[in-house]
């Protein structure tokens, strides 16, 4: 568990039994005005998923899981105000876009901070926790994919040390739109 500052926020991995809170936060993220640029699913698609989907998703990325970790920021009132998930990608595998994975790496997905918490430094702390988790699992680098038109996210990722790798991924079903890979090498 990581803390942002005493009494303010707690940064921690989710527990498997917290699937309902993970679902609520994901649905909030998908209602954000920038969701079409930030996420590959819609609010309607996520809302239609059965509880079993959310239970399995939480179990795969909860505290103690090795292949993925969902990290949340818990506010002073106990409510979840931000999240990100880090997936471990193993060499020899093929990633979600069909590209080969050449070395062990972390892949950051599902980054979201509630609008009222943005600008507080919370995203920095979530990323620090996610990177720490990935490095502890032997990742040689951490990457993320960002829509070419999501300038706000790109500015944050650059400030956090990520740089464009040159890999461009066409969006499934929208080949005129592109996403860019950003990477951070292990220090």
N, C-alpha and C. Protein backbone atom coordinates (compact mmCIF):
# COMPACT_ATOMS: atom_id res chain seq x y z
N UNK A 1 0.85 -1.17 0.00
CA UNK A 1 0.00 0.00 0.00
C UNK A 1 0.90 1.24 0.00
N UNK A 2 0.49 2.22 -0.77
CA UNK A 2 1.21 3.48 -0.86
C UNK A 2 0.30 4.57 -0.32
N UNK A 3 0.85 5.60 0.27
CA UNK A 3 0.03 6.72 0.70
C UNK A 3 0.52 7.99 0.04
N UNK A 4 -0.40 8.86 -0.31
CA UNK A 4 -0.06 10.12 -0.96
C UNK A 4 0.38 11.14 0.07
N UNK A 5 -0.40 11.31 1.09
CA UNK A 5 -0.04 12.14 2.23
C UNK A 5 -0.91 11.71 3.39
N UNK A 6 -0.41 11.86 4.60
CA UNK A 6 -1.16 11.36 5.75
C UNK A 6 -2.59 11.91 5.79
N UNK A 7 -3.56 11.01 5.92
CA UNK A 7 -4.94 11.41 6.03
C UNK A 7 -5.61 11.84 4.74
N UNK A 8 -4.89 11.89 3.64
CA UNK A 8 -5.49 12.39 2.40
C UNK A 8 -5.99 11.24 1.54
N UNK A 9 -5.10 10.57 0.85
CA UNK A 9 -5.46 9.49 -0.05
C UNK A 9 -4.64 8.25 0.28
N UNK A 10 -5.24 7.11 0.04
CA UNK A 10 -4.51 5.85 0.15
C UNK A 10 -4.44 5.28 -1.26
N UNK A 11 -3.26 4.91 -1.68
CA UNK A 11 -3.03 4.30 -3.00
C UNK A 11 -2.75 2.83 -2.73
N UNK A 12 -3.59 1.97 -3.31
CA UNK A 12 -3.47 0.55 -3.00
C UNK A 12 -4.01 -0.30 -4.14
N UNK A 13 -3.67 -1.57 -4.09
CA UNK A 13 -4.23 -2.55 -5.03
C UNK A 13 -5.63 -2.91 -4.58
N UNK A 14 -6.49 -3.23 -5.55
CA UNK A 14 -7.85 -3.64 -5.18
C UNK A 14 -7.82 -5.05 -4.60
N UNK A 15 -8.91 -5.39 -3.92
CA UNK A 15 -9.12 -6.75 -3.45
C UNK A 15 -10.17 -7.38 -4.36
N UNK A 16 -10.14 -8.67 -4.50
CA UNK A 16 -11.05 -9.37 -5.41
C UNK A 16 -12.51 -9.10 -5.08
N UNK A 17 -12.83 -8.95 -3.79
CA UNK A 17 -14.23 -8.74 -3.42
C UNK A 17 -14.72 -7.32 -3.66
N UNK A 18 -13.86 -6.46 -4.19
CA UNK A 18 -14.24 -5.07 -4.47
C UNK A 18 -14.65 -4.85 -5.93
N UNK A 19 -15.11 -5.90 -6.56
CA UNK A 19 -15.46 -5.81 -7.97
C UNK A 19 -16.55 -4.79 -8.25
N UNK A 20 -17.49 -4.61 -7.35
CA UNK A 20 -18.58 -3.64 -7.58
C UNK A 20 -18.03 -2.21 -7.60
N UNK A 21 -17.09 -1.91 -6.72
CA UNK A 21 -16.49 -0.58 -6.72
C UNK A 21 -15.64 -0.37 -7.98
N UNK A 22 -14.94 -1.43 -8.42
CA UNK A 22 -14.15 -1.34 -9.66
C UNK A 22 -15.08 -1.10 -10.84
N UNK A 23 -16.22 -1.76 -10.85
CA UNK A 23 -17.20 -1.57 -11.92
C UNK A 23 -17.71 -0.13 -11.91
N UNK A 24 -18.07 0.40 -10.76
CA UNK A 24 -18.60 1.76 -10.66
C UNK A 24 -17.58 2.78 -11.16
N UNK A 25 -16.31 2.60 -10.79
CA UNK A 25 -15.28 3.55 -11.22
C UNK A 25 -15.06 3.46 -12.73
N UNK A 26 -15.09 2.26 -13.27
CA UNK A 26 -14.95 2.09 -14.73
C UNK A 26 -16.11 2.75 -15.47
N UNK A 27 -17.32 2.57 -14.96
CA UNK A 27 -18.47 3.21 -15.59
C UNK A 27 -18.37 4.74 -15.52
N UNK A 28 -17.87 5.25 -14.40
CA UNK A 28 -17.64 6.71 -14.29
C UNK A 28 -16.61 7.16 -15.34
N UNK A 29 -15.55 6.38 -15.51
CA UNK A 29 -14.52 6.72 -16.50
C UNK A 29 -15.11 6.76 -17.91
N UNK A 30 -15.99 5.82 -18.19
CA UNK A 30 -16.57 5.73 -19.53
C UNK A 30 -17.62 6.81 -19.79
N UNK A 31 -18.05 7.52 -18.76
CA UNK A 31 -18.96 8.65 -18.93
C UNK A 31 -18.20 9.97 -19.08
N UNK A 32 -16.88 9.95 -18.87
CA UNK A 32 -16.06 11.16 -19.00
C UNK A 32 -16.11 11.65 -20.45
N UNK A 33 -16.13 12.96 -20.67
CA UNK A 33 -16.16 13.48 -22.04
C UNK A 33 -15.00 13.00 -22.93
N UNK A 34 -13.86 12.68 -22.34
CA UNK A 34 -12.72 12.21 -23.14
C UNK A 34 -12.68 10.70 -23.31
N UNK A 35 -13.68 10.01 -22.78
CA UNK A 35 -13.69 8.54 -22.85
C UNK A 35 -13.52 8.00 -24.27
N UNK A 36 -14.15 8.59 -25.30
CA UNK A 36 -13.96 8.04 -26.64
C UNK A 36 -12.50 8.06 -27.12
N UNK A 37 -11.70 8.98 -26.58
CA UNK A 37 -10.27 9.04 -26.93
C UNK A 37 -9.42 8.16 -26.01
N UNK A 38 -9.93 7.86 -24.83
CA UNK A 38 -9.11 7.18 -23.83
C UNK A 38 -9.38 5.69 -23.68
N UNK A 39 -10.57 5.23 -24.04
CA UNK A 39 -10.93 3.84 -23.79
C UNK A 39 -11.47 3.18 -25.05
N UNK A 40 -11.27 1.88 -25.15
CA UNK A 40 -11.69 1.14 -26.33
C UNK A 40 -13.10 0.57 -26.21
N UNK A 41 -13.75 0.75 -25.05
CA UNK A 41 -15.12 0.28 -24.90
C UNK A 41 -16.00 1.47 -24.55
N UNK A 42 -17.28 1.30 -24.76
CA UNK A 42 -18.23 2.35 -24.44
C UNK A 42 -18.90 2.08 -23.10
N UNK A 43 -19.54 3.11 -22.59
CA UNK A 43 -20.30 2.98 -21.35
C UNK A 43 -21.38 1.90 -21.51
N UNK A 44 -22.08 1.93 -22.65
CA UNK A 44 -23.15 0.97 -22.89
C UNK A 44 -22.63 -0.46 -22.92
N UNK A 45 -21.48 -0.68 -23.55
CA UNK A 45 -20.89 -2.03 -23.59
C UNK A 45 -20.54 -2.51 -22.18
N UNK A 46 -19.91 -1.63 -21.40
CA UNK A 46 -19.51 -2.01 -20.04
C UNK A 46 -20.72 -2.25 -19.15
N UNK A 47 -21.73 -1.41 -19.27
CA UNK A 47 -22.93 -1.54 -18.46
C UNK A 47 -23.64 -2.86 -18.72
N UNK A 48 -23.57 -3.35 -19.95
CA UNK A 48 -24.26 -4.59 -20.33
C UNK A 48 -23.54 -5.85 -19.84
N UNK A 49 -22.31 -5.72 -19.37
CA UNK A 49 -21.56 -6.91 -18.93
C UNK A 49 -22.16 -7.47 -17.64
N UNK A 50 -22.20 -8.79 -17.51
CA UNK A 50 -22.75 -9.40 -16.29
C UNK A 50 -21.79 -9.22 -15.09
N UNK A 51 -22.32 -9.37 -13.90
CA UNK A 51 -21.50 -9.25 -12.70
C UNK A 51 -20.32 -10.22 -12.73
N UNK A 52 -20.51 -11.39 -13.32
CA UNK A 52 -19.42 -12.38 -13.37
C UNK A 52 -18.20 -11.81 -14.12
N UNK A 53 -18.43 -10.99 -15.14
CA UNK A 53 -17.31 -10.36 -15.86
C UNK A 53 -16.51 -9.49 -14.91
N UNK A 54 -17.19 -8.65 -14.12
CA UNK A 54 -16.51 -7.73 -13.20
C UNK A 54 -15.83 -8.49 -12.07
N UNK A 55 -16.44 -9.58 -11.61
CA UNK A 55 -15.83 -10.39 -10.56
C UNK A 55 -14.54 -11.03 -11.06
N UNK A 56 -14.56 -11.59 -12.26
CA UNK A 56 -13.36 -12.21 -12.84
C UNK A 56 -12.28 -11.16 -13.11
N UNK A 57 -12.68 -10.01 -13.61
CA UNK A 57 -11.73 -8.94 -13.90
C UNK A 57 -11.02 -8.49 -12.62
N UNK A 58 -11.78 -8.30 -11.55
CA UNK A 58 -11.18 -7.90 -10.28
C UNK A 58 -10.25 -8.98 -9.74
N UNK A 59 -10.65 -10.24 -9.84
CA UNK A 59 -9.83 -11.34 -9.33
C UNK A 59 -8.50 -11.45 -10.09
N UNK A 60 -8.50 -11.15 -11.38
CA UNK A 60 -7.27 -11.23 -12.19
C UNK A 60 -6.29 -10.09 -11.90
N UNK A 61 -6.79 -8.97 -11.33
CA UNK A 61 -5.94 -7.80 -11.15
C UNK A 61 -5.91 -7.32 -9.70
N UNK A 62 -6.20 -8.22 -8.76
CA UNK A 62 -6.27 -7.81 -7.36
C UNK A 62 -4.93 -7.99 -6.65
N UNK A 63 -4.90 -7.53 -5.44
CA UNK A 63 -3.73 -7.66 -4.58
C UNK A 63 -3.26 -9.11 -4.60
N UNK A 64 -1.98 -9.33 -4.87
CA UNK A 64 -1.42 -10.67 -4.90
C UNK A 64 -1.39 -11.31 -6.28
N UNK A 65 -2.13 -10.76 -7.25
CA UNK A 65 -2.10 -11.31 -8.61
C UNK A 65 -0.76 -10.94 -9.28
N UNK A 66 -0.26 -11.83 -10.12
CA UNK A 66 1.02 -11.57 -10.77
C UNK A 66 0.90 -11.04 -12.19
N UNK A 67 -0.17 -11.35 -12.90
CA UNK A 67 -0.29 -10.97 -14.30
C UNK A 67 -0.83 -9.58 -14.54
N UNK A 68 -1.48 -9.01 -13.54
CA UNK A 68 -2.06 -7.68 -13.65
C UNK A 68 -2.32 -7.13 -12.26
N UNK A 69 -2.40 -5.81 -12.17
CA UNK A 69 -2.68 -5.18 -10.90
C UNK A 69 -3.48 -3.91 -11.14
N UNK A 70 -4.66 -3.82 -10.52
CA UNK A 70 -5.42 -2.58 -10.58
C UNK A 70 -5.14 -1.83 -9.29
N UNK A 71 -4.67 -0.61 -9.45
CA UNK A 71 -4.33 0.24 -8.32
C UNK A 71 -5.35 1.36 -8.26
N UNK A 72 -5.82 1.65 -7.07
CA UNK A 72 -6.81 2.71 -6.89
C UNK A 72 -6.31 3.74 -5.90
N UNK A 73 -6.88 4.94 -6.05
CA UNK A 73 -6.69 6.01 -5.07
C UNK A 73 -7.99 6.10 -4.29
N UNK A 74 -7.87 5.91 -3.00
CA UNK A 74 -9.03 5.96 -2.11
C UNK A 74 -9.00 7.31 -1.40
N UNK A 75 -10.09 8.06 -1.52
CA UNK A 75 -10.16 9.38 -0.90
C UNK A 75 -10.35 9.30 0.60
N UNK A 76 -10.29 10.46 1.26
CA UNK A 76 -10.44 10.49 2.72
C UNK A 76 -11.75 9.87 3.21
N UNK A 77 -12.80 9.90 2.37
CA UNK A 77 -14.08 9.32 2.76
C UNK A 77 -14.19 7.84 2.39
N UNK A 78 -13.11 7.26 1.83
CA UNK A 78 -13.11 5.86 1.44
C UNK A 78 -13.56 5.61 0.01
N UNK A 79 -14.06 6.64 -0.66
CA UNK A 79 -14.48 6.48 -2.05
C UNK A 79 -13.30 6.43 -3.00
N UNK A 80 -13.46 5.71 -4.09
CA UNK A 80 -12.39 5.58 -5.08
C UNK A 80 -12.44 6.78 -6.03
N UNK A 81 -11.30 7.46 -6.16
CA UNK A 81 -11.25 8.68 -6.96
C UNK A 81 -10.31 8.57 -8.17
N UNK A 82 -9.57 7.49 -8.28
CA UNK A 82 -8.68 7.31 -9.43
C UNK A 82 -8.19 5.88 -9.50
N UNK A 83 -7.72 5.51 -10.69
CA UNK A 83 -7.26 4.13 -10.90
C UNK A 83 -6.35 4.04 -12.11
N UNK A 84 -5.59 2.99 -12.14
CA UNK A 84 -4.90 2.52 -13.33
C UNK A 84 -4.62 1.05 -13.13
N UNK A 85 -4.43 0.36 -14.24
CA UNK A 85 -4.12 -1.07 -14.20
C UNK A 85 -2.83 -1.30 -14.97
N UNK A 86 -1.99 -2.18 -14.45
CA UNK A 86 -0.76 -2.56 -15.15
C UNK A 86 -0.87 -4.05 -15.48
N UNK A 87 -0.72 -4.36 -16.76
CA UNK A 87 -0.71 -5.74 -17.24
C UNK A 87 0.73 -6.15 -17.46
N UNK A 88 1.08 -7.39 -17.18
CA UNK A 88 2.41 -7.91 -17.49
C UNK A 88 2.33 -8.62 -18.83
N UNK A 89 3.20 -8.23 -19.76
CA UNK A 89 3.28 -8.86 -21.08
C UNK A 89 4.60 -9.60 -21.17
N UNK A 90 4.52 -10.87 -21.50
CA UNK A 90 5.70 -11.74 -21.53
C UNK A 90 6.29 -11.83 -22.94
N UNK A 91 7.62 -11.95 -23.04
CA UNK A 91 8.24 -12.11 -24.36
C UNK A 91 7.72 -13.37 -25.06
N UNK A 92 7.54 -13.25 -26.37
CA UNK A 92 7.03 -14.36 -27.15
C UNK A 92 5.53 -14.34 -27.32
N UNK A 93 4.84 -13.53 -26.51
CA UNK A 93 3.39 -13.40 -26.64
C UNK A 93 3.06 -12.40 -27.75
N UNK A 94 1.79 -12.33 -28.07
CA UNK A 94 1.29 -11.32 -29.01
C UNK A 94 0.39 -10.39 -28.22
N UNK A 95 0.56 -9.08 -28.41
CA UNK A 95 -0.24 -8.14 -27.64
C UNK A 95 -1.64 -7.99 -28.22
N UNK A 96 -2.46 -7.17 -27.61
CA UNK A 96 -3.86 -6.98 -27.99
C UNK A 96 -4.01 -6.49 -29.43
N UNK A 97 -3.00 -5.82 -29.97
CA UNK A 97 -3.08 -5.27 -31.33
C UNK A 97 -2.47 -6.20 -32.37
N UNK A 98 -1.96 -7.35 -31.91
CA UNK A 98 -1.37 -8.32 -32.84
C UNK A 98 0.12 -8.18 -33.03
N UNK A 99 0.77 -7.31 -32.24
CA UNK A 99 2.22 -7.12 -32.35
C UNK A 99 2.93 -8.09 -31.40
N UNK A 100 4.11 -8.59 -31.81
CA UNK A 100 4.85 -9.49 -30.92
C UNK A 100 5.44 -8.73 -29.72
N UNK A 101 5.42 -9.37 -28.57
CA UNK A 101 6.05 -8.81 -27.37
C UNK A 101 7.48 -9.35 -27.34
N UNK A 102 8.45 -8.46 -27.36
CA UNK A 102 9.84 -8.87 -27.48
C UNK A 102 10.56 -9.03 -26.14
N UNK A 103 10.05 -8.39 -25.09
CA UNK A 103 10.67 -8.53 -23.76
C UNK A 103 9.62 -8.30 -22.70
N UNK A 104 9.93 -8.72 -21.50
CA UNK A 104 8.97 -8.58 -20.41
C UNK A 104 8.71 -7.10 -20.16
N UNK A 105 7.42 -6.75 -20.17
CA UNK A 105 7.08 -5.35 -20.01
C UNK A 105 5.76 -5.20 -19.28
N UNK A 106 5.58 -4.04 -18.68
CA UNK A 106 4.30 -3.67 -18.12
C UNK A 106 3.54 -2.87 -19.16
N UNK A 107 2.23 -2.95 -19.13
CA UNK A 107 1.38 -2.20 -20.04
C UNK A 107 0.31 -1.50 -19.20
N UNK A 108 0.38 -0.18 -19.13
CA UNK A 108 -0.56 0.60 -18.34
C UNK A 108 -1.84 0.81 -19.15
N UNK A 109 -2.97 0.50 -18.54
CA UNK A 109 -4.28 0.68 -19.18
C UNK A 109 -5.26 1.25 -18.15
N UNK A 110 -6.40 1.72 -18.63
CA UNK A 110 -7.48 2.10 -17.74
C UNK A 110 -7.18 3.25 -16.80
N UNK A 111 -6.38 4.22 -17.24
CA UNK A 111 -6.03 5.35 -16.38
C UNK A 111 -7.24 6.29 -16.28
N UNK A 112 -7.63 6.59 -15.05
CA UNK A 112 -8.74 7.51 -14.84
C UNK A 112 -8.64 8.15 -13.46
N UNK A 113 -8.83 9.46 -13.43
CA UNK A 113 -8.95 10.22 -12.18
C UNK A 113 -10.21 11.06 -12.31
N UNK A 114 -11.05 11.01 -11.30
CA UNK A 114 -12.30 11.77 -11.35
C UNK A 114 -11.98 13.25 -11.58
N UNK A 115 -12.80 13.95 -12.37
CA UNK A 115 -12.52 15.34 -12.73
C UNK A 115 -12.22 16.26 -11.55
N UNK A 116 -12.93 16.09 -10.45
CA UNK A 116 -12.73 16.96 -9.30
C UNK A 116 -11.39 16.73 -8.60
N UNK A 117 -10.70 15.65 -8.92
CA UNK A 117 -9.41 15.33 -8.31
C UNK A 117 -8.24 15.64 -9.24
N UNK A 118 -8.51 15.99 -10.49
CA UNK A 118 -7.43 16.24 -11.45
C UNK A 118 -6.64 17.48 -11.05
N UNK A 119 -5.35 17.43 -11.30
CA UNK A 119 -4.47 18.54 -10.94
C UNK A 119 -3.95 18.47 -9.52
N UNK A 120 -4.31 17.43 -8.79
CA UNK A 120 -3.92 17.30 -7.38
C UNK A 120 -2.60 16.55 -7.19
N UNK A 121 -2.06 15.98 -8.28
CA UNK A 121 -0.88 15.14 -8.15
C UNK A 121 -1.22 13.66 -8.01
N UNK A 122 -2.50 13.36 -7.99
CA UNK A 122 -2.95 11.99 -7.80
C UNK A 122 -2.49 11.06 -8.92
N UNK A 123 -2.54 11.54 -10.15
CA UNK A 123 -2.11 10.70 -11.28
C UNK A 123 -0.64 10.34 -11.15
N UNK A 124 0.18 11.28 -10.71
CA UNK A 124 1.61 11.00 -10.50
C UNK A 124 1.80 9.86 -9.51
N UNK A 125 1.05 9.91 -8.41
CA UNK A 125 1.20 8.91 -7.36
C UNK A 125 0.70 7.55 -7.86
N UNK A 126 -0.40 7.54 -8.60
CA UNK A 126 -0.89 6.28 -9.18
C UNK A 126 0.16 5.68 -10.11
N UNK A 127 0.76 6.52 -10.97
CA UNK A 127 1.79 6.03 -11.88
C UNK A 127 3.01 5.52 -11.12
N UNK A 128 3.42 6.23 -10.08
CA UNK A 128 4.56 5.76 -9.28
C UNK A 128 4.28 4.36 -8.73
N UNK A 129 3.08 4.15 -8.22
CA UNK A 129 2.72 2.85 -7.65
C UNK A 129 2.69 1.78 -8.75
N UNK A 130 2.11 2.11 -9.90
CA UNK A 130 2.05 1.15 -11.00
C UNK A 130 3.43 0.79 -11.52
N UNK A 131 4.30 1.77 -11.64
CA UNK A 131 5.67 1.50 -12.10
C UNK A 131 6.42 0.66 -11.08
N UNK A 132 6.27 0.98 -9.81
CA UNK A 132 6.93 0.20 -8.76
C UNK A 132 6.49 -1.27 -8.84
N UNK A 133 5.19 -1.49 -9.05
CA UNK A 133 4.67 -2.85 -9.15
C UNK A 133 5.28 -3.56 -10.37
N UNK A 134 5.32 -2.89 -11.52
CA UNK A 134 5.87 -3.50 -12.74
C UNK A 134 7.35 -3.82 -12.59
N UNK A 135 8.12 -2.88 -12.04
CA UNK A 135 9.57 -3.12 -11.87
C UNK A 135 9.80 -4.30 -10.92
N UNK A 136 8.98 -4.41 -9.88
CA UNK A 136 9.13 -5.52 -8.93
C UNK A 136 8.85 -6.88 -9.56
N UNK A 137 8.14 -6.89 -10.67
CA UNK A 137 7.87 -8.14 -11.39
C UNK A 137 8.84 -8.38 -12.54
N UNK A 138 9.90 -7.60 -12.60
CA UNK A 138 10.94 -7.83 -13.59
C UNK A 138 10.71 -7.20 -14.95
N UNK A 139 9.77 -6.27 -15.04
CA UNK A 139 9.54 -5.60 -16.33
C UNK A 139 10.79 -4.83 -16.74
N UNK A 140 11.14 -4.94 -18.02
CA UNK A 140 12.28 -4.20 -18.55
C UNK A 140 11.88 -2.81 -19.00
N UNK A 141 10.60 -2.65 -19.29
CA UNK A 141 10.05 -1.35 -19.64
C UNK A 141 8.56 -1.37 -19.36
N UNK A 142 7.98 -0.19 -19.33
CA UNK A 142 6.53 -0.07 -19.19
C UNK A 142 6.05 0.76 -20.37
N UNK A 143 4.93 0.35 -20.93
CA UNK A 143 4.39 1.07 -22.07
C UNK A 143 2.92 1.39 -21.86
N UNK A 144 2.43 2.24 -22.71
CA UNK A 144 1.02 2.56 -22.76
C UNK A 144 0.70 3.01 -24.16
N UNK A 145 -0.56 2.97 -24.49
CA UNK A 145 -1.03 3.36 -25.81
C UNK A 145 -1.98 4.54 -25.61
N UNK A 146 -1.78 5.60 -26.40
CA UNK A 146 -2.60 6.81 -26.24
C UNK A 146 -3.07 7.29 -27.61
N UNK A 147 -4.32 7.73 -27.66
CA UNK A 147 -4.91 8.23 -28.91
C UNK A 147 -4.12 9.45 -29.38
N UNK A 148 -3.89 9.53 -30.68
CA UNK A 148 -3.11 10.63 -31.24
C UNK A 148 -3.69 12.00 -30.93
N UNK A 149 -4.98 12.09 -30.66
CA UNK A 149 -5.62 13.38 -30.38
C UNK A 149 -5.80 13.66 -28.89
N UNK A 150 -5.31 12.76 -28.03
CA UNK A 150 -5.45 12.96 -26.59
C UNK A 150 -4.21 13.70 -26.06
N UNK A 151 -4.16 14.98 -26.37
CA UNK A 151 -3.00 15.80 -26.00
C UNK A 151 -2.78 15.92 -24.51
N UNK A 152 -3.86 16.01 -23.74
CA UNK A 152 -3.72 16.13 -22.28
C UNK A 152 -2.98 14.92 -21.72
N UNK A 153 -3.40 13.72 -22.14
CA UNK A 153 -2.75 12.51 -21.66
C UNK A 153 -1.30 12.44 -22.14
N UNK A 154 -1.06 12.78 -23.40
CA UNK A 154 0.31 12.74 -23.92
C UNK A 154 1.22 13.67 -23.14
N UNK A 155 0.74 14.85 -22.78
CA UNK A 155 1.56 15.79 -22.00
C UNK A 155 1.92 15.19 -20.64
N UNK A 156 0.93 14.56 -19.99
CA UNK A 156 1.22 13.94 -18.70
C UNK A 156 2.24 12.82 -18.86
N UNK A 157 2.05 11.95 -19.85
CA UNK A 157 2.95 10.81 -20.02
C UNK A 157 4.38 11.28 -20.28
N UNK A 158 4.54 12.33 -21.07
CA UNK A 158 5.89 12.87 -21.32
C UNK A 158 6.48 13.40 -20.01
N UNK A 159 5.68 14.12 -19.25
CA UNK A 159 6.17 14.66 -17.98
C UNK A 159 6.57 13.53 -17.03
N UNK A 160 5.88 12.39 -17.11
CA UNK A 160 6.19 11.24 -16.26
C UNK A 160 7.39 10.45 -16.77
N UNK A 161 7.98 10.86 -17.91
CA UNK A 161 9.18 10.20 -18.42
C UNK A 161 8.96 9.28 -19.60
N UNK A 162 7.72 9.08 -20.01
CA UNK A 162 7.43 8.23 -21.17
C UNK A 162 7.76 8.98 -22.45
N UNK A 163 8.24 8.25 -23.44
CA UNK A 163 8.55 8.85 -24.74
C UNK A 163 7.91 8.00 -25.84
N UNK A 164 7.56 8.64 -26.97
CA UNK A 164 6.99 7.87 -28.08
C UNK A 164 8.02 6.86 -28.59
N UNK A 165 7.56 5.64 -28.86
CA UNK A 165 8.46 4.60 -29.38
C UNK A 165 8.51 4.60 -30.89
N UNK A 166 7.53 5.24 -31.52
CA UNK A 166 7.41 5.21 -32.97
C UNK A 166 6.36 4.21 -33.45
N UNK A 167 5.91 3.33 -32.56
CA UNK A 167 4.88 2.37 -32.93
C UNK A 167 3.53 3.09 -33.01
N UNK A 168 2.87 2.94 -34.16
CA UNK A 168 1.56 3.54 -34.37
C UNK A 168 0.58 2.39 -34.59
N UNK A 169 -0.55 2.43 -33.86
CA UNK A 169 -1.54 1.36 -33.91
C UNK A 169 -2.85 1.94 -34.46
N UNK A 170 -3.34 1.42 -35.60
CA UNK A 170 -4.65 1.89 -36.08
C UNK A 170 -5.75 1.36 -35.16
N UNK A 171 -6.74 2.18 -34.92
CA UNK A 171 -7.85 1.76 -34.07
C UNK A 171 -8.71 0.74 -34.80
N UNK A 172 -9.07 -0.30 -34.09
CA UNK A 172 -9.94 -1.32 -34.65
C UNK A 172 -11.30 -0.71 -35.00
N UNK A 173 -11.73 -0.90 -36.23
CA UNK A 173 -13.00 -0.36 -36.66
C UNK A 173 -12.96 1.10 -37.07
N UNK A 174 -11.84 1.77 -36.78
CA UNK A 174 -11.67 3.18 -37.16
C UNK A 174 -10.25 3.37 -37.69
N UNK A 175 -9.92 2.78 -38.84
CA UNK A 175 -8.55 2.81 -39.33
C UNK A 175 -8.00 4.21 -39.61
N UNK A 176 -8.90 5.19 -39.72
CA UNK A 176 -8.43 6.57 -39.93
C UNK A 176 -7.89 7.19 -38.64
N UNK A 177 -8.19 6.57 -37.49
CA UNK A 177 -7.69 7.06 -36.21
C UNK A 177 -6.53 6.19 -35.75
N UNK A 178 -5.56 6.83 -35.11
CA UNK A 178 -4.34 6.13 -34.70
C UNK A 178 -4.11 6.30 -33.19
N UNK A 179 -3.43 5.31 -32.64
CA UNK A 179 -2.93 5.41 -31.27
C UNK A 179 -1.42 5.27 -31.31
N UNK A 180 -0.76 5.90 -30.36
CA UNK A 180 0.69 5.93 -30.30
C UNK A 180 1.18 5.20 -29.05
N UNK A 181 2.24 4.45 -29.21
CA UNK A 181 2.85 3.78 -28.06
C UNK A 181 3.87 4.73 -27.43
N UNK A 182 3.79 4.85 -26.11
CA UNK A 182 4.78 5.59 -25.32
C UNK A 182 5.44 4.57 -24.40
N UNK A 183 6.74 4.71 -24.16
CA UNK A 183 7.46 3.75 -23.32
C UNK A 183 8.34 4.44 -22.29
N UNK A 184 8.60 3.73 -21.22
CA UNK A 184 9.54 4.15 -20.19
C UNK A 184 10.43 2.97 -19.91
N UNK A 185 11.71 3.13 -20.14
CA UNK A 185 12.66 2.05 -19.87
C UNK A 185 12.93 1.96 -18.38
N UNK A 186 13.24 0.75 -17.93
CA UNK A 186 13.54 0.53 -16.51
C UNK A 186 14.77 1.37 -16.13
N UNK A 187 14.69 2.06 -15.00
CA UNK A 187 15.83 2.90 -14.59
C UNK A 187 17.05 2.08 -14.24
